[in-house]
Amino acid sequence: MSVEVLRGWGRLDARIDVVCVAYNRSQALRATIESVLAQSMPEWRMVIVSDSSTDDTEEVALEYGDPRISVVRCGSYGGPGGPRNVGLLFAGAEYVAYLDGDDSWRPNHLETLVDLLDTGAPLAASGCVYRNSEGEAIGASEAADLVWHPDLQVLHGFIEPSRVAHSRRIVPEVGGWNEENSGFEDWDLWWRLAEKGGYFATSARHTVDQNRNEGGRHQAVTARYAIVLHTAGSESEVRRFMERAQSDAFRSRMLEGCLADYRAWYSDIARSDHFTTPRGHSREEMLDVLLGRIDCATTDHALVTDRVTWSKGKNGYSIYYPIWCVRREHASRIKEVHLRRDVEQSRIMKEELARVFR
C-alpha cells in the first residue's frame, strides 16, 4: 500500500507518539489537533494519517505548523486498522497513543497515561465522556468500567483506542492492527495482547471526549462464530423451544441463574492477581460496585436466552448463541469463558432443551 509523507516531523525527541487516523474528518479535525496542542505534557509528536481522504482533511492538517506534527497520506484501507499500522511505522518514541479524527483529549490526558505506563504496565487507559454528533454529553465511563481482567478482555471490547496508550514495541510483536475492514479491530488487538500477557493499568479520570456514532461500523458487523446449543431435525421442534425460551417462567429461572452466575464469577476474578482496578480504587470497592450492579440488574446483564437464535444448516436446525469477534481463536476463548461463567444458565438451558427434544 502506498504511503506519501505530506510533511515530516521537525522534531525528533518525544516521550510518546500520537497516531491520529482520519478519513474525511476536516470539520472535526481542528478540535482534535488543538486538544493535542493543549496537552500539559509537551514531549509528544503526532502523525496524522489520512486514509485517502477525498475532502480537505489533509489541507486542514497541514495548516498546523508545529514541528511536532507530521501528515501522511496512505492508500485507501477502508478501515482504521491499516492506517494505524502506517502510523506505527513512523513512531519511534517509547510509548504510542491513539486519537481518532473526531475525538479530543482533555489537557491532562497524555500526562495521565504516561504516568501509568511509567509504572511498567504495557497498556494504559483512562475514562471518558461520550458525546453525540452535536457535541452534547450523553454519558460517561465510571470507575468500575475501568476494571480489567483477562476474562473481561476476552468477552468485551473494553476501551476505545482514543483512550489507550501502550509501549511501542508490543503491538508489532502480535502482528499489528487487523487491517481487514470487519470491525472490532481494537477489541481484537487488546485481546491478542492480553493472550501474550499484556494488561491495562487504568485511571478513572475523564480525559477523553469520545464521539459515539449511533451508525458506527460495529453495529453493522455480522457474527461469524457461534456456541451451538443443540441441533435438531425438525423446524417445528426448534420453534417450540424458542417459544418456551421466551416464556415468563423460563426467563424468570434464567434471570435467577444469570445473577447467581455473575455474582460467583465477579467474586472469583476479583481474587485473581490479574484483577486490575483504576488507580486510587481498591479491589474491595470495585467488587462491591460490580456486585451492586448485579443486584439492581434488569437488562444490564443480558440473559443467554435473549441472544439465542436458530438457523437451518447442512445437518439440521441449529440453536446457537452467536459470537461477534474477528478470529476463530478468540471465539474459542469466548466459549471457554462463557462455559466457566454461565454455570447456572447452562444447567437451566440444558434442562429445557431436554424437555423439548426428548
Protein backbone atom coordinates (compact mmCIF):
# COMPACT_ATOMS: atom_id res chain seq x y z
CA MET A 1 0.00 0.00 0.00
CA SER A 2 1.38 3.40 -0.98
CA VAL A 3 2.39 5.97 1.65
CA GLU A 4 3.12 9.63 0.93
CA VAL A 5 4.67 11.94 3.53
CA LEU A 6 3.00 15.31 3.07
CA ARG A 7 5.02 16.87 5.88
CA GLY A 8 7.59 15.23 8.13
CA TRP A 9 8.45 15.94 11.72
CA GLY A 10 10.70 18.88 12.51
CA ARG A 11 11.32 17.49 16.00
CA LEU A 12 12.80 14.07 16.76
CA ASP A 13 12.68 13.71 20.55
CA ALA A 14 9.44 12.69 22.28
CA ARG A 15 8.26 10.50 25.13
CA ILE A 16 5.10 9.48 23.30
CA ASP A 17 3.95 9.46 19.69
CA VAL A 18 0.30 10.09 18.84
CA VAL A 19 -1.22 8.21 15.89
CA CYS A 20 -4.28 10.04 14.57
CA VAL A 21 -6.23 8.35 11.77
CA ALA A 22 -8.66 10.47 9.76
CA TYR A 23 -10.88 9.89 6.78
CA ASN A 24 -12.88 12.88 5.56
CA ARG A 25 -12.83 14.43 9.03
CA SER A 26 -11.90 18.01 8.18
CA GLN A 27 -14.76 19.55 10.17
CA ALA A 28 -13.83 17.73 13.38
CA LEU A 29 -10.07 17.53 12.92
CA ARG A 30 -9.20 21.02 14.14
CA ALA A 31 -10.64 20.36 17.60
CA THR A 32 -8.79 17.03 17.66
CA ILE A 33 -5.41 18.60 16.80
CA GLU A 34 -5.90 21.55 19.14
CA SER A 35 -6.63 19.17 22.02
CA VAL A 36 -3.19 17.61 21.46
CA LEU A 37 -1.53 21.03 21.27
CA ALA A 38 -3.14 21.86 24.65
CA GLN A 39 -1.58 18.87 26.46
CA SER A 40 0.11 19.64 29.78
CA MET A 41 2.94 17.28 28.80
CA PRO A 42 4.77 18.79 25.80
CA GLU A 43 7.08 15.86 24.96
CA TRP A 44 4.90 14.36 22.22
CA ARG A 45 4.85 14.00 18.46
CA MET A 46 1.77 13.46 16.32
CA VAL A 47 1.39 11.71 12.97
CA ILE A 48 -1.90 12.37 11.21
CA VAL A 49 -2.63 9.55 8.77
CA SER A 50 -5.17 10.35 6.07
CA ASP A 51 -6.82 7.19 4.73
CA SER A 52 -7.00 8.67 1.20
CA SER A 53 -9.41 11.38 2.29
CA THR A 54 -11.36 12.99 -0.53
CA ASP A 55 -12.26 16.22 1.32
CA ASP A 56 -9.88 18.85 2.71
CA THR A 57 -8.75 16.77 5.74
CA GLU A 58 -5.12 16.89 4.60
CA GLU A 59 -5.21 20.64 3.94
CA VAL A 60 -6.61 21.23 7.44
CA ALA A 61 -3.88 19.08 8.99
CA LEU A 62 -1.18 20.93 7.05
CA GLU A 63 -2.40 24.28 8.43
CA TYR A 64 -0.70 23.43 11.73
CA GLY A 65 2.98 24.27 11.51
CA ASP A 66 4.01 22.84 14.89
CA PRO A 67 7.20 20.81 14.26
CA ARG A 68 5.79 18.01 16.40
CA ILE A 69 3.02 17.34 13.85
CA SER A 70 3.55 15.32 10.67
CA VAL A 71 0.99 14.47 8.00
CA VAL A 72 0.91 11.28 5.95
CA ARG A 73 -1.42 10.05 3.21
CA CYS A 74 -1.85 6.31 2.67
CA GLY A 75 -3.71 4.22 0.14
CA SER A 76 -7.34 3.51 0.97
CA TYR A 77 -7.80 0.78 3.58
CA GLY A 78 -11.47 1.43 4.25
CA GLY A 79 -11.00 0.90 7.99
CA PRO A 80 -8.76 2.26 10.77
CA GLY A 81 -6.51 -0.78 11.30
CA GLY A 82 -4.33 -0.29 8.23
CA PRO A 83 -3.76 3.46 8.73
CA ARG A 84 -2.88 2.82 12.39
CA ASN A 85 -0.22 0.35 11.27
CA VAL A 86 1.08 3.04 8.90
CA GLY A 87 1.24 5.49 11.82
CA LEU A 88 3.14 2.94 13.91
CA LEU A 89 5.79 2.72 11.17
CA PHE A 90 6.61 6.37 11.84
CA ALA A 91 6.54 6.05 15.63
CA GLY A 92 9.87 5.95 17.42
CA ALA A 93 9.07 7.13 20.93
CA GLU A 94 8.91 4.81 23.92
CA TYR A 95 5.12 4.99 24.03
CA VAL A 96 2.29 5.30 21.48
CA ALA A 97 -1.19 6.77 21.97
CA TYR A 98 -4.14 6.84 19.57
CA LEU A 99 -6.60 9.59 18.79
CA ASP A 100 -9.36 9.23 16.21
CA GLY A 101 -10.03 12.21 13.98
CA ASP A 102 -13.36 13.05 15.61
CA ASP A 103 -12.37 12.64 19.28
CA SER A 104 -10.49 15.03 21.54
CA TRP A 105 -8.45 14.98 24.74
CA ARG A 106 -8.54 16.96 27.97
CA PRO A 107 -5.20 18.70 28.73
CA ASN A 108 -4.13 16.04 31.28
CA HIS A 109 -4.66 13.02 29.02
CA LEU A 110 -1.12 12.20 27.92
CA GLU A 111 0.29 13.05 31.33
CA THR A 112 -2.19 10.62 32.91
CA LEU A 113 -1.37 7.75 30.54
CA VAL A 114 2.41 8.22 30.59
CA ASP A 115 2.30 8.22 34.38
CA LEU A 116 0.54 4.83 34.26
CA LEU A 117 2.94 3.42 31.66
CA ASP A 118 5.94 4.56 33.69
CA THR A 119 4.90 2.02 36.36
CA GLY A 120 5.84 -0.74 33.90
CA ALA A 121 2.35 -1.52 32.60
CA PRO A 122 2.35 -2.39 28.87
CA LEU A 123 -1.00 -0.68 28.25
CA ALA A 124 -2.80 2.24 29.86
CA ALA A 125 -6.30 3.67 29.54
CA SER A 126 -8.44 6.40 31.04
CA GLY A 127 -12.08 7.35 31.42
CA CYS A 128 -14.14 9.38 29.01
CA VAL A 129 -17.25 11.43 28.41
CA TYR A 130 -19.36 10.21 25.49
CA ARG A 131 -20.74 12.86 23.16
CA ASN A 132 -23.21 12.76 20.28
CA SER A 133 -22.74 14.36 16.87
CA GLU A 134 -23.92 17.67 18.32
CA GLY A 135 -21.21 17.60 20.97
CA GLU A 136 -23.67 17.03 23.80
CA ALA A 137 -22.64 14.77 26.68
CA ILE A 138 -24.74 11.58 26.58
CA GLY A 139 -22.89 9.50 29.16
CA ALA A 140 -19.57 8.89 30.86
CA SER A 141 -17.44 5.99 31.99
CA GLU A 142 -17.47 5.02 35.66
CA ALA A 143 -14.59 3.70 37.73
CA ALA A 144 -15.91 0.12 37.58
CA ASP A 145 -15.83 0.32 33.77
CA LEU A 146 -12.05 0.63 34.05
CA VAL A 147 -11.62 -2.63 35.96
CA TRP A 148 -9.51 -5.03 33.89
CA HIS A 149 -9.09 -8.81 33.94
CA PRO A 150 -8.16 -11.25 31.11
CA ASP A 151 -11.66 -12.79 31.19
CA LEU A 152 -13.24 -9.35 30.86
CA GLN A 153 -10.96 -8.64 27.91
CA VAL A 154 -11.97 -11.90 26.25
CA LEU A 155 -15.67 -11.04 26.48
CA HIS A 156 -15.71 -7.29 25.91
CA GLY A 157 -14.08 -4.68 23.70
CA PHE A 158 -13.34 -2.77 26.91
CA ILE A 159 -11.89 0.55 25.75
CA GLU A 160 -11.84 2.65 22.57
CA PRO A 161 -8.43 3.48 21.00
CA SER A 162 -8.62 7.23 21.75
CA ARG A 163 -8.40 6.31 25.45
CA VAL A 164 -5.40 3.99 25.12
CA ALA A 165 -1.61 4.22 25.07
CA HIS A 166 0.95 1.40 25.13
CA SER A 167 4.60 0.52 24.96
CA ARG A 168 5.56 0.91 21.29
CA ARG A 169 7.22 -2.49 20.94
CA ILE A 170 4.28 -4.70 21.97
CA VAL A 171 1.91 -4.22 19.02
CA PRO A 172 4.33 -5.37 16.27
CA GLU A 173 5.06 -8.44 18.41
CA VAL A 174 1.46 -9.67 17.94
CA GLY A 175 1.20 -8.78 14.25
CA GLY A 176 -0.09 -5.21 14.42
CA TRP A 177 -3.62 -3.96 13.90
CA ASN A 178 -6.03 -6.12 11.94
CA GLU A 179 -6.36 -4.48 8.52
CA GLU A 180 -9.49 -6.34 7.46
CA ASN A 181 -12.42 -3.94 7.39
CA SER A 182 -14.56 -6.14 9.64
CA GLY A 183 -14.95 -4.03 12.77
CA PHE A 184 -13.79 -4.85 16.30
CA GLU A 185 -10.15 -4.22 15.33
CA ASP A 186 -9.49 -2.56 18.72
CA TRP A 187 -11.04 -5.43 20.72
CA ASP A 188 -9.11 -7.89 18.55
CA LEU A 189 -5.79 -6.17 19.31
CA TRP A 190 -6.36 -5.75 23.06
CA TRP A 191 -7.35 -9.44 23.22
CA ARG A 192 -4.26 -10.62 21.32
CA LEU A 193 -2.04 -8.52 23.58
CA ALA A 194 -3.75 -9.97 26.68
CA GLU A 195 -3.21 -13.51 25.37
CA LYS A 196 0.53 -12.72 25.32
CA GLY A 197 0.49 -11.45 28.91
CA GLY A 198 -0.37 -7.81 28.30
CA TYR A 199 -2.56 -5.96 30.75
CA PHE A 200 -4.04 -2.50 31.30
CA ALA A 201 -3.26 -0.04 34.05
CA THR A 202 -6.16 2.39 34.21
CA SER A 203 -7.30 5.73 35.55
CA ALA A 204 -10.95 6.65 36.08
CA ARG A 205 -10.23 10.30 35.21
CA HIS A 206 -12.30 11.58 32.29
CA THR A 207 -9.50 12.70 30.00
CA VAL A 208 -11.20 11.98 26.65
CA ASP A 209 -14.25 13.36 24.86
CA GLN A 210 -15.32 10.34 22.85
CA ASN A 211 -17.61 10.64 19.85
CA ARG A 212 -20.35 8.00 19.94
CA ASN A 213 -21.71 7.50 16.44
CA GLU A 214 -25.04 5.69 16.50
CA GLY A 215 -24.37 4.49 12.97
CA GLY A 216 -20.94 3.12 13.82
CA ARG A 217 -19.21 0.29 11.96
CA HIS A 218 -19.52 -2.13 14.91
CA GLN A 219 -23.28 -2.09 14.61
CA ALA A 220 -23.09 -3.48 11.07
CA VAL A 221 -20.84 -6.43 11.96
CA THR A 222 -22.20 -9.91 11.25
CA ALA A 223 -21.50 -12.69 13.74
CA ARG A 224 -19.03 -15.20 12.26
CA TYR A 225 -18.96 -17.79 15.02
CA ALA A 226 -21.35 -19.46 17.43
CA ILE A 227 -21.78 -21.62 20.51
CA VAL A 228 -24.12 -24.37 19.29
CA LEU A 229 -26.54 -25.48 22.00
CA HIS A 230 -28.46 -28.13 20.08
CA THR A 231 -29.03 -29.42 16.55
CA ALA A 232 -32.48 -30.77 15.73
CA GLY A 233 -34.07 -32.42 12.72
CA SER A 234 -37.41 -30.65 12.94
CA GLU A 235 -38.12 -26.96 12.45
CA SER A 236 -41.34 -27.28 14.45
CA GLU A 237 -39.42 -28.58 17.47
CA VAL A 238 -36.97 -25.69 17.24
CA ARG A 239 -39.78 -23.17 17.05
CA ARG A 240 -41.45 -24.81 20.05
CA PHE A 241 -38.25 -24.48 22.05
CA MET A 242 -37.80 -20.82 21.06
CA GLU A 243 -41.35 -20.07 22.21
CA ARG A 244 -40.73 -21.78 25.56
CA ALA A 245 -37.43 -19.90 25.92
CA GLN A 246 -39.32 -16.59 25.77
CA SER A 247 -41.95 -17.57 28.35
CA ASP A 248 -42.09 -15.59 31.60
CA ALA A 249 -41.48 -18.72 33.70
CA PHE A 250 -38.35 -19.72 31.81
CA ARG A 251 -36.98 -16.19 31.69
CA SER A 252 -37.52 -15.85 35.45
CA ARG A 253 -35.46 -19.00 36.07
CA MET A 254 -32.77 -17.79 33.68
CA LEU A 255 -32.60 -14.38 35.38
CA GLU A 256 -32.00 -16.02 38.75
CA GLY A 257 -29.31 -18.18 37.17
CA CYS A 258 -27.77 -15.20 35.42
CA LEU A 259 -27.47 -13.16 38.61
CA ALA A 260 -26.03 -16.14 40.50
CA ASP A 261 -23.50 -16.73 37.72
CA TYR A 262 -22.34 -13.11 37.70
CA ARG A 263 -22.04 -12.94 41.48
CA ALA A 264 -19.88 -16.06 41.57
CA TRP A 265 -17.82 -15.00 38.56
CA TYR A 266 -17.07 -11.46 39.73
CA SER A 267 -16.13 -12.76 43.18
CA ASP A 268 -13.84 -15.33 41.58
CA ILE A 269 -11.97 -12.99 39.23
CA ALA A 270 -11.65 -10.37 41.99
CA ARG A 271 -9.48 -12.84 43.91
CA SER A 272 -7.13 -13.16 40.95
CA ASP A 273 -3.77 -11.39 40.78
CA HIS A 274 -4.82 -10.26 37.28
CA PHE A 275 -7.77 -8.24 38.59
CA THR A 276 -6.70 -4.64 37.97
CA THR A 277 -8.55 -1.65 39.39
CA PRO A 278 -8.31 2.02 38.39
CA ARG A 279 -5.66 3.97 40.25
CA GLY A 280 -6.92 5.08 43.64
CA HIS A 281 -9.72 2.49 43.78
CA SER A 282 -9.40 -0.66 45.87
CA ARG A 283 -10.23 -4.19 44.85
CA GLU A 284 -12.90 -4.39 47.55
CA GLU A 285 -14.52 -1.14 46.44
CA MET A 286 -14.70 -2.18 42.79
CA LEU A 287 -16.02 -5.64 43.63
CA ASP A 288 -18.77 -4.05 45.73
CA VAL A 289 -19.71 -1.83 42.78
CA LEU A 290 -19.78 -4.75 40.34
CA LEU A 291 -21.89 -6.83 42.70
CA GLY A 292 -24.16 -3.85 43.29
CA ARG A 293 -24.74 -3.56 39.57
CA ILE A 294 -25.88 -7.17 39.55
CA ASP A 295 -28.24 -6.69 42.46
CA CYS A 296 -30.09 -3.89 40.65
CA ALA A 297 -29.81 -5.51 37.22
CA THR A 298 -32.80 -5.96 34.99
CA THR A 299 -31.46 -5.90 31.45
CA ASP A 300 -27.90 -4.76 32.23
CA HIS A 301 -26.75 -8.38 32.33
CA ALA A 302 -28.31 -9.88 29.22
CA LEU A 303 -29.68 -13.36 29.57
CA VAL A 304 -28.23 -16.13 27.44
CA THR A 305 -31.75 -16.83 26.17
CA ASP A 306 -32.06 -13.26 24.82
CA ARG A 307 -29.19 -13.90 22.46
CA VAL A 308 -30.09 -17.41 21.36
CA THR A 309 -31.25 -17.82 17.77
CA TRP A 310 -31.56 -20.62 15.22
CA SER A 311 -30.96 -21.37 11.56
CA LYS A 312 -31.11 -24.24 9.10
CA GLY A 313 -27.79 -25.86 8.19
CA LYS A 314 -26.44 -28.92 6.42
CA ASN A 315 -27.01 -31.16 9.43
CA GLY A 316 -30.38 -29.87 10.54
CA TYR A 317 -31.67 -26.93 12.54
CA SER A 318 -29.14 -25.44 14.95
CA ILE A 319 -29.97 -23.50 18.08
CA TYR A 320 -26.99 -21.35 18.91
CA TYR A 321 -25.55 -18.33 20.63
CA PRO A 322 -23.86 -16.02 18.05
CA ILE A 323 -20.36 -14.73 18.76
CA TRP A 324 -19.16 -11.41 17.34
CA CYS A 325 -15.37 -11.34 17.03
CA VAL A 326 -12.69 -11.37 14.34
CA ARG A 327 -10.81 -14.65 14.89
CA ARG A 328 -11.75 -18.28 15.42
CA GLU A 329 -9.22 -18.49 18.26
CA HIS A 330 -10.93 -15.60 20.00
CA ALA A 331 -14.33 -17.27 19.54
CA SER A 332 -12.94 -20.39 21.22
CA ARG A 333 -11.78 -18.33 24.19
CA ILE A 334 -15.17 -16.61 24.42
CA LYS A 335 -16.85 -20.01 24.53
CA GLU A 336 -14.42 -21.16 27.22
CA VAL A 337 -15.14 -18.16 29.46
CA HIS A 338 -18.90 -18.42 28.91
CA LEU A 339 -18.91 -22.07 29.94
CA ARG A 340 -16.91 -21.23 33.05
CA ARG A 341 -19.08 -18.23 33.95
CA ASP A 342 -22.62 -19.26 32.94
CA VAL A 343 -22.87 -22.41 35.04
CA GLU A 344 -26.43 -21.99 36.27
CA GLN A 345 -27.74 -20.63 33.00
CA SER A 346 -26.20 -23.56 31.12
CA ARG A 347 -27.79 -26.03 33.54
CA ILE A 348 -31.24 -24.46 33.14
CA MET A 349 -30.86 -24.29 29.36
CA LYS A 350 -29.86 -27.96 29.14
CA GLU A 351 -32.86 -28.97 31.24
CA GLU A 352 -35.22 -27.07 28.96
CA LEU A 353 -33.60 -28.49 25.82
CA ALA A 354 -34.02 -32.00 27.27
CA ARG A 355 -37.73 -31.38 27.90
CA VAL A 356 -38.36 -30.31 24.30
CA PHE A 357 -36.03 -32.68 22.46
CA ARG A 358 -36.74 -35.96 24.23
